[in-house]
Amino acid sequence: MKARICKVLDTPEYPASGKLKSAYAVHDFDQLLLLSGLKEKINLAPVELYANWSITIPWSPEMRYRPKGSVSKDEAEQILNAVRDKPNGVLRWIMKYW
């Protein structure tokens, strides 16, 4: 998504420092969807893709630091499947717009 945002903003790379760094350091998927210009496209996507998108929304970088076992194996697999699913996985869909 962040690569898409750089493309939309005609920015050659993601700022690693400076004032703009914090503006780009967003991990909220709904905000990223809006900034990438893909909000309308997800609303028009097949219901299976939209369902997969909905599964990924609760993810956050902080989940990596939760104690082991605080996320069940089933929950983790559900998120991974939503991202990897063919043909309606979130990653596959995002890659179409890079």
C-alpha atoms as a PDB file:
ATOM      1  CA  MET A   1       0.000   0.000   0.000  1.00  0.00           C
ATOM      2  CA  LYS A   2       2.801   2.391   0.806  1.00  0.00           C
ATOM      3  CA  ALA A   3       4.370   1.789  -2.616  1.00  0.00           C
ATOM      4  CA  ARG A   4       1.014   2.697  -4.135  1.00  0.00           C
ATOM      5  CA  ILE A   5       0.880   5.897  -2.059  1.00  0.00           C
ATOM      6  CA  CYS A   6       4.333   6.883  -3.358  1.00  0.00           C
ATOM      7  CA  LYS A   7       3.107   6.225  -6.896  1.00  0.00           C
ATOM      8  CA  VAL A   8      -0.045   8.318  -6.397  1.00  0.00           C
ATOM      9  CA  LEU A   9       1.967  11.168  -4.877  1.00  0.00           C
ATOM     10  CA  ASP A  10       4.696  10.850  -7.528  1.00  0.00           C
ATOM     11  CA  THR A  11       7.300  10.363  -4.809  1.00  0.00           C
ATOM     12  CA  PRO A  12      10.321   8.243  -5.778  1.00  0.00           C
ATOM     13  CA  GLU A  13      10.721   6.740  -2.321  1.00  0.00           C
ATOM     14  CA  TYR A  14       9.273   6.590   1.130  1.00  0.00           C
ATOM     15  CA  PRO A  15      10.785   9.305   3.381  1.00  0.00           C
ATOM     16  CA  ALA A  16      13.043   7.734   6.007  1.00  0.00           C
ATOM     17  CA  SER A  17      13.425  10.935   7.997  1.00  0.00           C
ATOM     18  CA  GLY A  18      12.210  14.488   8.310  1.00  0.00           C
ATOM     19  CA  LYS A  19       8.761  15.974   8.742  1.00  0.00           C
ATOM     20  CA  LEU A  20       7.073  13.677   6.242  1.00  0.00           C
ATOM     21  CA  LYS A  21       8.287  10.491   7.916  1.00  0.00           C
ATOM     22  CA  SER A  22       5.497  10.544  10.511  1.00  0.00           C
ATOM     23  CA  ALA A  23       2.873  11.162   7.839  1.00  0.00           C
ATOM     24  CA  TYR A  24       4.044   8.035   6.036  1.00  0.00           C
ATOM     25  CA  ALA A  25       4.504   5.949   9.189  1.00  0.00           C
ATOM     26  CA  VAL A  26       0.865   4.864   9.217  1.00  0.00           C
ATOM     27  CA  HIS A  27      -0.188   1.268   9.791  1.00  0.00           C
ATOM     28  CA  ASP A  28      -3.943   1.759   9.881  1.00  0.00           C
ATOM     29  CA  PHE A  29      -5.246  -0.132   6.840  1.00  0.00           C
ATOM     30  CA  ASP A  30      -8.274   2.114   6.384  1.00  0.00           C
ATOM     31  CA  GLN A  31      -6.055   5.218   6.321  1.00  0.00           C
ATOM     32  CA  LEU A  32      -3.656   3.535   3.901  1.00  0.00           C
ATOM     33  CA  LEU A  33      -6.565   2.568   1.675  1.00  0.00           C
ATOM     34  CA  LEU A  34      -7.695   6.187   1.524  1.00  0.00           C
ATOM     35  CA  LEU A  35      -4.195   7.610   0.959  1.00  0.00           C
ATOM     36  CA  SER A  36      -3.492   5.084  -1.799  1.00  0.00           C
ATOM     37  CA  GLY A  37      -6.581   6.096  -3.738  1.00  0.00           C
ATOM     38  CA  LEU A  38      -7.978   2.566  -3.527  1.00  0.00           C
ATOM     39  CA  LYS A  39     -10.959   3.163  -1.232  1.00  0.00           C
ATOM     40  CA  GLU A  40     -13.488   3.217  -4.071  1.00  0.00           C
ATOM     41  CA  LYS A  41     -11.885   0.190  -5.703  1.00  0.00           C
ATOM     42  CA  ILE A  42     -12.210  -1.948  -2.555  1.00  0.00           C
ATOM     43  CA  ASN A  43     -15.870  -0.943  -2.315  1.00  0.00           C
ATOM     44  CA  LEU A  44     -16.392  -2.290  -5.850  1.00  0.00           C
ATOM     45  CA  ALA A  45     -14.325  -5.447  -5.291  1.00  0.00           C
ATOM     46  CA  PRO A  46     -15.792  -8.966  -5.210  1.00  0.00           C
ATOM     47  CA  VAL A  47     -17.408  -9.863  -1.904  1.00  0.00           C
ATOM     48  CA  GLU A  48     -14.687 -12.482  -1.241  1.00  0.00           C
ATOM     49  CA  LEU A  49     -11.947  -9.870  -1.458  1.00  0.00           C
ATOM     50  CA  TYR A  50     -13.896  -7.467   0.726  1.00  0.00           C
ATOM     51  CA  ALA A  51     -14.344 -10.270   3.288  1.00  0.00           C
ATOM     52  CA  ASN A  52     -10.589 -10.927   3.249  1.00  0.00           C
ATOM     53  CA  TRP A  53      -9.911  -7.208   3.647  1.00  0.00           C
ATOM     54  CA  SER A  54     -12.210  -7.137   6.681  1.00  0.00           C
ATOM     55  CA  ILE A  55     -10.237  -9.988   8.262  1.00  0.00           C
ATOM     56  CA  THR A  56      -6.943  -8.098   7.911  1.00  0.00           C
ATOM     57  CA  ILE A  57      -8.187  -4.769   9.321  1.00  0.00           C
ATOM     58  CA  PRO A  58      -7.608  -5.649  13.016  1.00  0.00           C
ATOM     59  CA  TRP A  59      -3.913  -6.427  12.388  1.00  0.00           C
ATOM     60  CA  SER A  60      -1.400  -3.965  13.792  1.00  0.00           C
ATOM     61  CA  PRO A  61       2.388  -3.942  14.172  1.00  0.00           C
ATOM     62  CA  GLU A  62       1.910  -4.190  17.931  1.00  0.00           C
ATOM     63  CA  MET A  63       0.562  -7.719  17.469  1.00  0.00           C
ATOM     64  CA  ARG A  64       4.159  -8.832  16.877  1.00  0.00           C
ATOM     65  CA  TYR A  65       5.005  -7.939  20.472  1.00  0.00           C
ATOM     66  CA  ARG A  66       2.088  -9.618  22.204  1.00  0.00           C
ATOM     67  CA  PRO A  67       2.929 -12.537  24.469  1.00  0.00           C
ATOM     68  CA  LYS A  68       3.084 -15.910  22.777  1.00  0.00           C
ATOM     69  CA  GLY A  69      -0.355 -17.508  22.750  1.00  0.00           C
ATOM     70  CA  SER A  70      -2.325 -14.243  22.911  1.00  0.00           C
ATOM     71  CA  VAL A  71      -3.398 -14.847  19.309  1.00  0.00           C
ATOM     72  CA  SER A  72      -4.685 -18.316  18.557  1.00  0.00           C
ATOM     73  CA  LYS A  73      -3.246 -20.401  15.755  1.00  0.00           C
ATOM     74  CA  ASP A  74      -6.648 -20.275  14.033  1.00  0.00           C
ATOM     75  CA  GLU A  75      -6.736 -16.451  14.174  1.00  0.00           C
ATOM     76  CA  ALA A  76      -3.212 -16.189  12.771  1.00  0.00           C
ATOM     77  CA  GLU A  77      -4.007 -18.650   9.971  1.00  0.00           C
ATOM     78  CA  GLN A  78      -7.200 -16.770   9.146  1.00  0.00           C
ATOM     79  CA  ILE A  79      -5.260 -13.519   8.674  1.00  0.00           C
ATOM     80  CA  LEU A  80      -2.543 -15.223   6.623  1.00  0.00           C
ATOM     81  CA  ASN A  81      -5.133 -16.922   4.428  1.00  0.00           C
ATOM     82  CA  ALA A  82      -6.924 -13.607   3.857  1.00  0.00           C
ATOM     83  CA  VAL A  83      -3.659 -12.068   2.704  1.00  0.00           C
ATOM     84  CA  ARG A  84      -2.528 -15.032   0.567  1.00  0.00           C
ATOM     85  CA  ASP A  85      -5.856 -16.222  -0.866  1.00  0.00           C
ATOM     86  CA  LYS A  86      -6.027 -16.792  -4.617  1.00  0.00           C
ATOM     87  CA  PRO A  87      -7.675 -15.153  -6.465  1.00  0.00           C
ATOM     88  CA  ASN A  88      -9.127 -12.799  -3.821  1.00  0.00           C
ATOM     89  CA  GLY A  89      -6.244 -12.289  -1.411  1.00  0.00           C
ATOM     90  CA  VAL A  90      -5.453  -8.834  -0.110  1.00  0.00           C
ATOM     91  CA  LEU A  91      -1.805  -8.955  -1.194  1.00  0.00           C
ATOM     92  CA  ARG A  92      -2.684 -10.117  -4.717  1.00  0.00           C
ATOM     93  CA  TRP A  93      -5.216  -7.272  -5.022  1.00  0.00           C
ATOM     94  CA  ILE A  94      -2.810  -4.600  -3.761  1.00  0.00           C
ATOM     95  CA  MET A  95      -0.063  -5.818  -6.101  1.00  0.00           C
ATOM     96  CA  LYS A  96      -2.304  -5.103  -9.090  1.00  0.00           C
ATOM     97  CA  TYR A  97      -1.991  -1.391  -8.294  1.00  0.00           C
ATOM     98  CA  TRP A  98       1.748  -1.076  -7.546  1.00  0.00           C
END
